[in-house]
Structure formats: structure tokens, C-alpha cells
N, C-alpha and C. Protein backbone atom coordinates (compact mmCIF):
# COMPACT_ATOMS: atom_id res chain seq x y z
N MET A 1 29.05 -1.86 14.90
CA MET A 1 27.84 -1.24 15.41
C MET A 1 27.55 0.04 14.65
N GLN A 2 26.36 0.59 14.84
CA GLN A 2 25.93 1.76 14.11
C GLN A 2 26.28 3.02 14.88
N GLU A 3 26.43 4.12 14.11
CA GLU A 3 26.68 5.40 14.75
C GLU A 3 25.39 5.89 15.39
N PRO A 4 25.44 6.40 16.62
CA PRO A 4 24.23 6.89 17.24
C PRO A 4 23.77 8.20 16.61
N SER A 5 22.44 8.36 16.46
CA SER A 5 21.89 9.62 15.96
C SER A 5 21.49 10.47 17.16
N ALA A 6 20.95 11.64 16.87
CA ALA A 6 20.53 12.55 17.95
C ALA A 6 19.48 11.90 18.84
N TYR A 7 18.70 11.00 18.29
CA TYR A 7 17.63 10.37 19.06
C TYR A 7 17.91 8.91 19.36
N GLY A 8 19.14 8.47 19.19
CA GLY A 8 19.51 7.12 19.59
C GLY A 8 19.27 6.08 18.53
N THR A 9 20.14 5.98 17.53
CA THR A 9 20.03 4.93 16.53
C THR A 9 20.18 3.58 17.21
N PRO A 10 19.38 2.60 16.80
CA PRO A 10 19.42 1.30 17.45
C PRO A 10 20.79 0.62 17.36
N ALA A 11 21.17 0.02 18.44
CA ALA A 11 22.34 -0.84 18.49
C ALA A 11 21.97 -2.03 19.36
N TYR A 12 22.45 -3.19 19.01
CA TYR A 12 22.04 -4.40 19.71
C TYR A 12 22.65 -4.47 21.11
N ASN A 13 21.81 -4.75 22.08
CA ASN A 13 22.23 -4.98 23.45
C ASN A 13 21.42 -6.17 23.97
N PRO A 14 22.05 -7.32 24.23
CA PRO A 14 21.30 -8.52 24.62
C PRO A 14 20.57 -8.37 25.96
N ASN A 15 20.93 -7.40 26.78
CA ASN A 15 20.28 -7.22 28.08
C ASN A 15 19.11 -6.24 28.03
N GLN A 16 18.85 -5.69 26.87
CA GLN A 16 17.79 -4.71 26.72
C GLN A 16 16.79 -5.23 25.68
N PRO A 17 15.50 -5.32 26.02
CA PRO A 17 14.53 -5.88 25.08
C PRO A 17 14.36 -5.05 23.82
N SER A 18 14.56 -3.74 23.88
CA SER A 18 14.43 -2.89 22.72
C SER A 18 15.77 -2.18 22.48
N PRO A 19 16.19 -2.08 21.21
CA PRO A 19 17.45 -1.38 20.93
C PRO A 19 17.29 0.14 20.92
N HIS A 20 16.08 0.64 21.07
CA HIS A 20 15.82 2.08 20.99
C HIS A 20 15.92 2.72 22.38
N SER A 21 16.58 3.86 22.42
CA SER A 21 16.73 4.58 23.68
C SER A 21 15.37 5.11 24.16
N LEU A 22 15.30 5.43 25.42
CA LEU A 22 14.08 6.03 25.97
C LEU A 22 13.77 7.34 25.26
N LYS A 23 14.80 8.14 24.99
CA LYS A 23 14.59 9.41 24.28
C LYS A 23 13.99 9.16 22.90
N ASN A 24 14.52 8.16 22.18
CA ASN A 24 14.00 7.81 20.87
C ASN A 24 12.53 7.44 20.95
N LYS A 25 12.18 6.61 21.92
CA LYS A 25 10.79 6.17 22.09
C LYS A 25 9.87 7.35 22.41
N LEU A 26 10.31 8.22 23.30
CA LEU A 26 9.48 9.38 23.69
C LEU A 26 9.26 10.33 22.52
N VAL A 27 10.32 10.61 21.76
CA VAL A 27 10.17 11.51 20.62
C VAL A 27 9.27 10.87 19.56
N ARG A 28 9.37 9.56 19.38
CA ARG A 28 8.47 8.88 18.41
C ARG A 28 7.02 8.94 18.87
N VAL A 29 6.77 8.84 20.17
CA VAL A 29 5.40 8.98 20.69
C VAL A 29 4.87 10.38 20.37
N ILE A 30 5.69 11.39 20.62
CA ILE A 30 5.28 12.78 20.32
C ILE A 30 5.05 12.93 18.82
N TRP A 31 5.99 12.41 18.01
CA TRP A 31 5.84 12.49 16.56
C TRP A 31 4.55 11.79 16.11
N ASN A 32 4.25 10.62 16.65
CA ASN A 32 3.03 9.91 16.26
C ASN A 32 1.79 10.74 16.57
N PHE A 33 1.79 11.42 17.69
CA PHE A 33 0.67 12.30 18.03
C PHE A 33 0.58 13.44 17.01
N VAL A 34 1.70 14.07 16.71
CA VAL A 34 1.72 15.18 15.74
C VAL A 34 1.29 14.67 14.37
N TRP A 35 1.77 13.48 13.97
CA TRP A 35 1.39 12.91 12.68
C TRP A 35 -0.13 12.69 12.62
N LEU A 36 -0.70 12.12 13.68
CA LEU A 36 -2.14 11.85 13.70
C LEU A 36 -2.99 13.12 13.78
N ALA A 37 -2.55 14.09 14.58
CA ALA A 37 -3.37 15.27 14.84
C ALA A 37 -3.16 16.40 13.82
N LEU A 38 -1.93 16.54 13.30
CA LEU A 38 -1.63 17.71 12.47
C LEU A 38 -1.16 17.37 11.05
N TYR A 39 -0.42 16.29 10.90
CA TYR A 39 0.15 15.93 9.60
C TYR A 39 -0.89 15.19 8.75
N ARG A 40 -1.37 14.08 9.25
CA ARG A 40 -2.28 13.20 8.51
C ARG A 40 -3.57 13.88 8.06
N PRO A 41 -4.23 14.68 8.89
CA PRO A 41 -5.50 15.28 8.46
C PRO A 41 -5.34 16.54 7.59
N SER A 42 -4.10 16.97 7.34
CA SER A 42 -3.91 18.19 6.55
C SER A 42 -4.33 17.95 5.09
N PRO A 43 -4.93 18.96 4.45
CA PRO A 43 -5.34 18.82 3.05
C PRO A 43 -4.14 18.55 2.14
N LYS A 44 -4.36 17.79 1.07
CA LYS A 44 -3.27 17.40 0.16
C LYS A 44 -2.39 18.56 -0.31
N PRO A 45 -2.96 19.70 -0.67
CA PRO A 45 -2.09 20.78 -1.20
C PRO A 45 -1.15 21.41 -0.17
N LEU A 46 -1.31 21.13 1.11
CA LEU A 46 -0.50 21.79 2.14
C LEU A 46 0.85 21.11 2.38
N HIS A 47 1.61 20.95 1.31
CA HIS A 47 2.93 20.32 1.41
C HIS A 47 3.87 21.13 2.30
N LYS A 48 3.79 22.45 2.21
CA LYS A 48 4.68 23.30 3.02
C LYS A 48 4.42 23.09 4.52
N TRP A 49 3.17 22.90 4.90
CA TRP A 49 2.82 22.64 6.29
C TRP A 49 3.46 21.34 6.77
N ARG A 50 3.33 20.28 5.96
CA ARG A 50 3.91 18.99 6.34
C ARG A 50 5.43 19.06 6.36
N CYS A 51 6.02 19.82 5.43
CA CYS A 51 7.48 20.02 5.45
C CYS A 51 7.91 20.71 6.74
N PHE A 52 7.13 21.70 7.15
CA PHE A 52 7.41 22.41 8.41
C PHE A 52 7.40 21.43 9.58
N LEU A 53 6.39 20.56 9.65
CA LEU A 53 6.30 19.59 10.75
C LEU A 53 7.47 18.61 10.71
N LEU A 54 7.84 18.16 9.51
CA LEU A 54 8.99 17.25 9.40
C LEU A 54 10.27 17.93 9.88
N ARG A 55 10.45 19.19 9.49
CA ARG A 55 11.65 19.92 9.92
C ARG A 55 11.68 20.10 11.44
N LEU A 56 10.51 20.32 12.04
CA LEU A 56 10.44 20.44 13.51
C LEU A 56 11.02 19.21 14.20
N PHE A 57 10.88 18.06 13.55
CA PHE A 57 11.36 16.81 14.12
C PHE A 57 12.69 16.36 13.52
N GLY A 58 13.40 17.29 12.89
CA GLY A 58 14.77 17.03 12.48
C GLY A 58 14.99 16.55 11.06
N ALA A 59 13.92 16.43 10.26
CA ALA A 59 14.11 16.03 8.86
C ALA A 59 14.82 17.13 8.09
N LYS A 60 15.63 16.74 7.13
CA LYS A 60 16.25 17.70 6.22
C LYS A 60 15.40 17.72 4.96
N VAL A 61 14.71 18.83 4.74
CA VAL A 61 13.74 18.93 3.66
C VAL A 61 14.09 20.12 2.77
N GLY A 62 14.23 19.86 1.47
CA GLY A 62 14.58 20.90 0.51
C GLY A 62 13.36 21.71 0.08
N LYS A 63 13.53 22.43 -1.02
CA LYS A 63 12.46 23.28 -1.58
C LYS A 63 11.58 22.46 -2.51
N GLY A 64 10.29 22.80 -2.54
CA GLY A 64 9.37 22.15 -3.47
C GLY A 64 9.16 20.68 -3.21
N VAL A 65 9.29 20.26 -1.97
CA VAL A 65 9.14 18.85 -1.59
C VAL A 65 7.66 18.54 -1.38
N HIS A 66 7.24 17.33 -1.77
CA HIS A 66 5.84 16.93 -1.67
C HIS A 66 5.67 15.67 -0.81
N PRO A 67 5.60 15.83 0.50
CA PRO A 67 5.22 14.69 1.35
C PRO A 67 3.70 14.67 1.48
N TYR A 68 3.06 13.63 1.02
CA TYR A 68 1.61 13.57 1.06
C TYR A 68 1.11 13.19 2.46
N PRO A 69 -0.13 13.56 2.79
CA PRO A 69 -0.61 13.39 4.17
C PRO A 69 -0.69 11.94 4.65
N SER A 70 -0.91 10.99 3.76
CA SER A 70 -1.00 9.60 4.21
C SER A 70 0.35 8.88 4.20
N ALA A 71 1.42 9.58 3.85
CA ALA A 71 2.77 8.99 3.91
C ALA A 71 3.17 8.79 5.38
N LYS A 72 3.47 7.56 5.75
CA LYS A 72 3.89 7.26 7.12
C LYS A 72 5.41 7.43 7.22
N ILE A 73 5.83 8.16 8.21
CA ILE A 73 7.26 8.40 8.41
C ILE A 73 7.58 8.02 9.86
N TRP A 74 8.42 7.03 10.03
CA TRP A 74 8.67 6.44 11.35
C TRP A 74 9.49 7.36 12.25
N ALA A 75 10.56 7.93 11.73
CA ALA A 75 11.45 8.79 12.52
C ALA A 75 11.95 9.92 11.62
N PRO A 76 11.27 11.06 11.61
CA PRO A 76 11.63 12.13 10.68
C PRO A 76 13.09 12.58 10.77
N TRP A 77 13.70 12.47 11.94
CA TRP A 77 15.09 12.90 12.10
C TRP A 77 16.05 12.06 11.26
N ASN A 78 15.61 10.94 10.73
CA ASN A 78 16.44 10.10 9.86
C ASN A 78 16.08 10.28 8.38
N LEU A 79 15.23 11.25 8.06
CA LEU A 79 14.76 11.45 6.69
C LEU A 79 15.39 12.68 6.07
N GLU A 80 15.82 12.53 4.82
CA GLU A 80 16.33 13.66 4.04
C GLU A 80 15.63 13.63 2.68
N MET A 81 14.94 14.72 2.36
CA MET A 81 14.26 14.86 1.07
C MET A 81 14.83 16.09 0.37
N ASP A 82 15.50 15.87 -0.76
CA ASP A 82 16.09 16.97 -1.51
C ASP A 82 15.04 17.69 -2.35
N ASP A 83 15.42 18.82 -2.92
CA ASP A 83 14.51 19.67 -3.69
C ASP A 83 13.69 18.87 -4.70
N GLY A 84 12.38 19.13 -4.71
CA GLY A 84 11.49 18.54 -5.69
C GLY A 84 11.17 17.07 -5.50
N SER A 85 11.56 16.49 -4.37
CA SER A 85 11.28 15.07 -4.14
C SER A 85 9.87 14.86 -3.62
N CYS A 86 9.40 13.61 -3.68
CA CYS A 86 8.01 13.31 -3.33
C CYS A 86 7.90 11.97 -2.62
N LEU A 87 7.13 11.96 -1.52
CA LEU A 87 6.67 10.73 -0.87
C LEU A 87 5.17 10.71 -1.09
N ALA A 88 4.70 9.87 -1.99
CA ALA A 88 3.30 9.87 -2.41
C ALA A 88 2.38 9.25 -1.35
N ASP A 89 1.09 9.26 -1.68
CA ASP A 89 0.06 8.71 -0.79
C ASP A 89 0.36 7.27 -0.40
N ASN A 90 0.13 6.97 0.86
CA ASN A 90 0.22 5.62 1.41
C ASN A 90 1.60 4.97 1.26
N THR A 91 2.64 5.79 1.19
CA THR A 91 3.99 5.24 1.26
C THR A 91 4.32 5.01 2.73
N ASP A 92 5.24 4.11 2.97
CA ASP A 92 5.68 3.82 4.34
C ASP A 92 7.18 3.96 4.38
N CYS A 93 7.64 4.96 5.11
CA CYS A 93 9.06 5.28 5.21
C CYS A 93 9.54 4.85 6.60
N TYR A 94 9.99 3.60 6.71
CA TYR A 94 10.44 3.03 7.98
C TYR A 94 11.90 3.40 8.15
N CYS A 95 12.13 4.65 8.55
CA CYS A 95 13.50 5.20 8.60
C CYS A 95 14.13 5.02 9.98
N VAL A 96 14.37 3.78 10.34
CA VAL A 96 15.11 3.46 11.56
C VAL A 96 16.54 3.97 11.39
N ASN A 97 17.03 3.92 10.17
CA ASN A 97 18.33 4.47 9.81
C ASN A 97 18.06 5.56 8.78
N LYS A 98 19.09 6.21 8.28
CA LYS A 98 18.92 7.31 7.34
C LYS A 98 18.27 6.85 6.04
N ILE A 99 17.31 7.63 5.57
CA ILE A 99 16.73 7.45 4.24
C ILE A 99 16.84 8.79 3.53
N ARG A 100 17.50 8.76 2.38
CA ARG A 100 17.67 9.98 1.58
C ARG A 100 16.95 9.80 0.25
N ILE A 101 16.14 10.80 -0.11
CA ILE A 101 15.45 10.83 -1.39
C ILE A 101 16.01 12.03 -2.16
N GLY A 102 16.66 11.77 -3.28
CA GLY A 102 17.36 12.80 -4.03
C GLY A 102 16.46 13.77 -4.76
N LYS A 103 17.09 14.76 -5.40
CA LYS A 103 16.37 15.82 -6.12
C LYS A 103 15.48 15.24 -7.21
N ASN A 104 14.25 15.76 -7.25
CA ASN A 104 13.28 15.42 -8.30
C ASN A 104 13.00 13.92 -8.39
N SER A 105 13.10 13.23 -7.27
CA SER A 105 12.80 11.80 -7.22
C SER A 105 11.44 11.58 -6.58
N THR A 106 10.74 10.57 -7.08
CA THR A 106 9.39 10.27 -6.60
C THR A 106 9.32 8.84 -6.07
N VAL A 107 8.76 8.71 -4.88
CA VAL A 107 8.44 7.40 -4.33
C VAL A 107 6.91 7.31 -4.41
N SER A 108 6.42 6.47 -5.33
CA SER A 108 4.99 6.42 -5.63
C SER A 108 4.20 5.66 -4.58
N GLN A 109 2.88 5.74 -4.70
CA GLN A 109 1.94 5.21 -3.73
C GLN A 109 2.19 3.74 -3.39
N TYR A 110 1.95 3.45 -2.13
CA TYR A 110 2.03 2.11 -1.54
C TYR A 110 3.44 1.52 -1.50
N SER A 111 4.46 2.31 -1.79
CA SER A 111 5.82 1.79 -1.71
C SER A 111 6.29 1.77 -0.25
N TYR A 112 7.22 0.87 0.03
CA TYR A 112 7.71 0.67 1.39
C TYR A 112 9.22 0.77 1.40
N LEU A 113 9.73 1.80 2.07
CA LEU A 113 11.18 1.97 2.24
C LEU A 113 11.52 1.40 3.62
N CYS A 114 12.14 0.24 3.63
CA CYS A 114 12.35 -0.52 4.87
C CYS A 114 13.80 -0.39 5.34
N GLY A 115 14.03 0.49 6.32
CA GLY A 115 15.37 0.77 6.79
C GLY A 115 15.90 -0.17 7.86
N ALA A 116 15.18 -1.24 8.17
CA ALA A 116 15.66 -2.18 9.20
C ALA A 116 15.06 -3.56 8.98
N THR A 117 15.77 -4.53 9.52
CA THR A 117 15.32 -5.91 9.49
C THR A 117 15.82 -6.57 10.77
N HIS A 118 15.71 -7.87 10.86
CA HIS A 118 16.21 -8.59 12.04
C HIS A 118 17.22 -9.64 11.61
N ASP A 119 18.22 -9.85 12.43
CA ASP A 119 19.23 -10.88 12.18
C ASP A 119 18.63 -12.23 12.59
N TYR A 120 18.05 -12.92 11.63
CA TYR A 120 17.36 -14.19 11.91
C TYR A 120 18.32 -15.32 12.25
N GLU A 121 19.62 -15.11 12.04
CA GLU A 121 20.60 -16.14 12.39
C GLU A 121 21.03 -16.06 13.84
N HIS A 122 20.63 -15.01 14.53
CA HIS A 122 20.93 -14.84 15.95
C HIS A 122 19.71 -15.31 16.74
N PRO A 123 19.88 -16.02 17.85
CA PRO A 123 18.72 -16.55 18.59
C PRO A 123 17.74 -15.47 19.08
N LEU A 124 18.22 -14.26 19.34
CA LEU A 124 17.33 -13.19 19.81
C LEU A 124 16.84 -12.30 18.68
N MET A 125 17.25 -12.58 17.46
CA MET A 125 16.87 -11.82 16.27
C MET A 125 16.94 -10.31 16.48
N PRO A 126 18.12 -9.76 16.78
CA PRO A 126 18.23 -8.33 17.03
C PRO A 126 17.94 -7.50 15.77
N LEU A 127 17.49 -6.29 16.00
CA LEU A 127 17.22 -5.35 14.93
C LEU A 127 18.53 -4.93 14.28
N VAL A 128 18.54 -4.91 12.95
CA VAL A 128 19.70 -4.48 12.17
C VAL A 128 19.20 -3.42 11.19
N SER A 129 19.80 -2.24 11.24
CA SER A 129 19.35 -1.19 10.33
C SER A 129 20.47 -0.81 9.37
N ALA A 130 20.08 -0.27 8.22
CA ALA A 130 21.03 0.21 7.22
C ALA A 130 20.35 1.31 6.41
N PRO A 131 21.13 2.30 5.97
CA PRO A 131 20.53 3.41 5.23
C PRO A 131 20.02 3.02 3.86
N ILE A 132 19.05 3.77 3.37
CA ILE A 132 18.56 3.64 2.00
C ILE A 132 18.86 4.97 1.31
N MET A 133 19.51 4.90 0.17
CA MET A 133 19.87 6.10 -0.58
C MET A 133 19.21 6.04 -1.95
N ILE A 134 18.40 7.04 -2.23
CA ILE A 134 17.74 7.16 -3.53
C ILE A 134 18.32 8.41 -4.19
N GLY A 135 18.92 8.23 -5.36
CA GLY A 135 19.59 9.32 -6.05
C GLY A 135 18.64 10.34 -6.64
N ASP A 136 19.17 11.20 -7.48
CA ASP A 136 18.39 12.24 -8.14
C ASP A 136 17.67 11.67 -9.36
N ASN A 137 16.49 12.24 -9.67
CA ASN A 137 15.72 11.89 -10.86
C ASN A 137 15.35 10.41 -10.93
N VAL A 138 15.05 9.83 -9.78
CA VAL A 138 14.66 8.42 -9.67
C VAL A 138 13.15 8.34 -9.56
N TRP A 139 12.58 7.29 -10.15
CA TRP A 139 11.16 7.02 -9.99
C TRP A 139 10.99 5.63 -9.41
N ILE A 140 10.51 5.59 -8.18
CA ILE A 140 10.12 4.34 -7.54
C ILE A 140 8.62 4.24 -7.80
N THR A 141 8.20 3.34 -8.68
CA THR A 141 6.79 3.29 -9.07
C THR A 141 5.96 2.64 -7.97
N ALA A 142 4.71 2.35 -8.25
CA ALA A 142 3.75 1.92 -7.24
C ALA A 142 4.10 0.58 -6.59
N ASP A 143 3.90 0.53 -5.27
CA ASP A 143 3.95 -0.71 -4.49
C ASP A 143 5.30 -1.42 -4.55
N VAL A 144 6.38 -0.66 -4.45
CA VAL A 144 7.74 -1.20 -4.49
C VAL A 144 8.26 -1.37 -3.07
N PHE A 145 8.97 -2.46 -2.81
CA PHE A 145 9.65 -2.70 -1.54
C PHE A 145 11.14 -2.45 -1.76
N ILE A 146 11.74 -1.62 -0.90
CA ILE A 146 13.19 -1.39 -0.95
C ILE A 146 13.77 -1.82 0.39
N ALA A 147 14.72 -2.73 0.33
CA ALA A 147 15.32 -3.33 1.52
C ALA A 147 16.38 -2.43 2.14
N PRO A 148 16.73 -2.69 3.41
CA PRO A 148 17.77 -1.91 4.08
C PRO A 148 19.10 -2.00 3.33
N GLY A 149 19.83 -0.87 3.31
CA GLY A 149 21.16 -0.85 2.74
C GLY A 149 21.22 -0.68 1.23
N VAL A 150 20.08 -0.50 0.58
CA VAL A 150 20.04 -0.38 -0.88
C VAL A 150 20.29 1.06 -1.31
N THR A 151 21.03 1.20 -2.41
CA THR A 151 21.21 2.49 -3.08
C THR A 151 20.62 2.39 -4.47
N ILE A 152 19.72 3.31 -4.77
CA ILE A 152 19.14 3.42 -6.12
C ILE A 152 19.83 4.64 -6.74
N HIS A 153 20.68 4.43 -7.72
CA HIS A 153 21.49 5.51 -8.27
C HIS A 153 20.67 6.42 -9.20
N ASP A 154 21.24 7.59 -9.50
CA ASP A 154 20.57 8.63 -10.27
C ASP A 154 19.90 8.09 -11.53
N GLY A 155 18.68 8.61 -11.78
CA GLY A 155 17.98 8.33 -13.02
C GLY A 155 17.35 6.96 -13.16
N ALA A 156 17.45 6.13 -12.16
CA ALA A 156 16.89 4.77 -12.26
C ALA A 156 15.38 4.79 -12.13
N VAL A 157 14.74 3.75 -12.66
CA VAL A 157 13.31 3.54 -12.53
C VAL A 157 13.11 2.12 -12.01
N VAL A 158 12.28 1.98 -10.98
CA VAL A 158 11.96 0.66 -10.43
C VAL A 158 10.50 0.37 -10.74
N GLY A 159 10.25 -0.70 -11.48
CA GLY A 159 8.91 -1.04 -11.94
C GLY A 159 7.97 -1.41 -10.80
N ALA A 160 6.68 -1.28 -11.08
CA ALA A 160 5.63 -1.52 -10.10
C ALA A 160 5.71 -2.91 -9.49
N ARG A 161 5.44 -2.95 -8.19
CA ARG A 161 5.39 -4.18 -7.40
C ARG A 161 6.71 -4.94 -7.36
N SER A 162 7.80 -4.23 -7.54
CA SER A 162 9.12 -4.86 -7.49
C SER A 162 9.62 -4.90 -6.06
N SER A 163 10.57 -5.79 -5.82
CA SER A 163 11.27 -5.88 -4.53
C SER A 163 12.75 -5.71 -4.80
N VAL A 164 13.34 -4.68 -4.19
CA VAL A 164 14.73 -4.33 -4.47
C VAL A 164 15.58 -4.70 -3.25
N PHE A 165 16.50 -5.66 -3.46
CA PHE A 165 17.36 -6.15 -2.39
C PHE A 165 18.83 -5.82 -2.61
N SER A 166 19.16 -5.27 -3.78
CA SER A 166 20.54 -4.88 -4.06
C SER A 166 20.53 -3.57 -4.83
N ASP A 167 21.69 -2.93 -4.90
CA ASP A 167 21.79 -1.61 -5.52
C ASP A 167 21.33 -1.64 -6.98
N VAL A 168 20.80 -0.49 -7.43
CA VAL A 168 20.34 -0.32 -8.80
C VAL A 168 21.26 0.70 -9.47
N ASN A 169 21.81 0.34 -10.62
CA ASN A 169 22.72 1.22 -11.34
C ASN A 169 22.01 2.45 -11.89
N ALA A 170 22.78 3.48 -12.17
CA ALA A 170 22.24 4.73 -12.70
C ALA A 170 21.61 4.51 -14.07
N TRP A 171 20.52 5.23 -14.31
CA TRP A 171 19.82 5.28 -15.60
C TRP A 171 19.44 3.90 -16.12
N CYS A 172 19.05 3.01 -15.20
CA CYS A 172 18.58 1.68 -15.56
C CYS A 172 17.13 1.53 -15.13
N VAL A 173 16.41 0.66 -15.84
CA VAL A 173 15.06 0.28 -15.46
C VAL A 173 15.16 -1.14 -14.93
N VAL A 174 14.62 -1.36 -13.72
CA VAL A 174 14.60 -2.69 -13.12
C VAL A 174 13.16 -3.02 -12.72
N ALA A 175 12.87 -4.32 -12.64
CA ALA A 175 11.54 -4.74 -12.22
C ALA A 175 11.60 -6.20 -11.79
N GLY A 176 10.60 -6.61 -11.02
CA GLY A 176 10.47 -8.00 -10.62
C GLY A 176 10.75 -8.22 -9.15
N ASN A 177 10.67 -9.49 -8.75
CA ASN A 177 10.90 -9.88 -7.37
C ASN A 177 11.80 -11.13 -7.37
N PRO A 178 13.09 -10.93 -7.12
CA PRO A 178 13.79 -9.67 -6.87
C PRO A 178 13.95 -8.87 -8.16
N ALA A 179 14.11 -7.55 -8.00
CA ALA A 179 14.23 -6.68 -9.17
C ALA A 179 15.47 -7.03 -9.98
N LYS A 180 15.28 -7.11 -11.29
CA LYS A 180 16.38 -7.42 -12.22
C LYS A 180 16.42 -6.35 -13.31
N PHE A 181 17.59 -6.20 -13.90
CA PHE A 181 17.80 -5.24 -14.99
C PHE A 181 16.86 -5.56 -16.15
N ILE A 182 16.18 -4.52 -16.66
CA ILE A 182 15.30 -4.66 -17.82
C ILE A 182 15.96 -4.00 -19.04
N LYS A 183 16.34 -2.73 -18.86
CA LYS A 183 17.00 -2.01 -19.95
C LYS A 183 17.61 -0.72 -19.42
N LYS A 184 18.45 -0.09 -20.24
CA LYS A 184 18.97 1.23 -19.92
C LYS A 184 17.86 2.24 -20.18
N ARG A 185 17.83 3.28 -19.39
CA ARG A 185 16.84 4.34 -19.57
C ARG A 185 17.42 5.37 -20.53
N THR A 186 16.67 5.69 -21.56
CA THR A 186 17.09 6.71 -22.50
C THR A 186 16.12 7.88 -22.45
N LEU A 187 16.65 9.07 -22.55
CA LEU A 187 15.83 10.28 -22.51
C LEU A 187 15.64 10.79 -23.92
N LYS A 188 14.44 11.28 -24.22
CA LYS A 188 14.15 11.81 -25.55
C LYS A 188 14.31 13.30 -25.58
């Protein structure tokens, strides 16, 4: 089973229709209101304001972080953004479990960080979550899907419209569905 977070990380219970605690649900309702009323309508340059709101809800946010106003964040208390990281426009950060974005890493527009899935081999298909770890100096390009439990190591680049279901080695370029190794990344 998973370790419980401050707001109740999901754990399967066959007698309960939802794996989320009442506290988790209530805090998400409040967060959704704050996201709609204060986060989403904020002007693009107000990254510090959005960082402040994320921190209020338990996110660990470094310096110079750029969360854009249309970035959807499911549970900020499970989000960690290191210095200089970015969640671009229209990204979806489904952080049922921990999602970490390393220093100077960018998650580009329309990408989906999916921290949970369902166990389709069980008759009740319970929710199963796993952390997503994105290292330092990583570029997740446009419209990328990252599955639960994936680690993208330092310096990697994931090509546009790729689907990542397994870990990506450091300083590699991957692309495709499923994402496959293309080449080593070299710096000039």
C-alpha cells in the first residue's frame, strides 16, 4: 500500500467507493475554487502570485518557478517544483501521488503528467498511484503523456506527442508512442 500524505494519499479499500479521504476531497474542493477564482485568471507574468497560492496548499516551490495560469494541478500538496522549473500553458498535472519537476526543467504546453491509473485486472478497478520524477535540465516537449511511476533522468528530452511508460536515461532524447531512444543529447 501507499504511504499516506497530509491530505490522505489514496489506498484501496473495497468497502469505500472512493480511495480519497474526506479531508482530501474537501481540500481539493477549496483548491479548485482558489484555482478558478485566483490562480487561473491571473495574468501570465504573475508567476510569484501562483507560486504563493501553490505554497499555501502545500506545494514545494523553488525560486524562479514558472507555473502558467492554465496549468491544471490536481493536488498541490503532492507537487514539487525546483528552482527555474516550468509548467507551461494547458499542462495537466494529475498529482494523485508525488510529482517532482527538477531544476531548470520545462514541461511544455498540453503535456499530461498522470500520477494514477486503475488496476484493470481487479474487478473493481481500484485507483493505483505512483510518483513521477523529472530530473534537472529536462525538456518535456509539447503534448507528451507521462505515465505513473516514470522517472525522467537529468538532461533528457522527450519529443513532441510522445507517450512515456518507462524510465528515460540521463542525457538521452526519446520520442514516439511508446517513447524509444533516439540519440544521446550532446551540448555545444
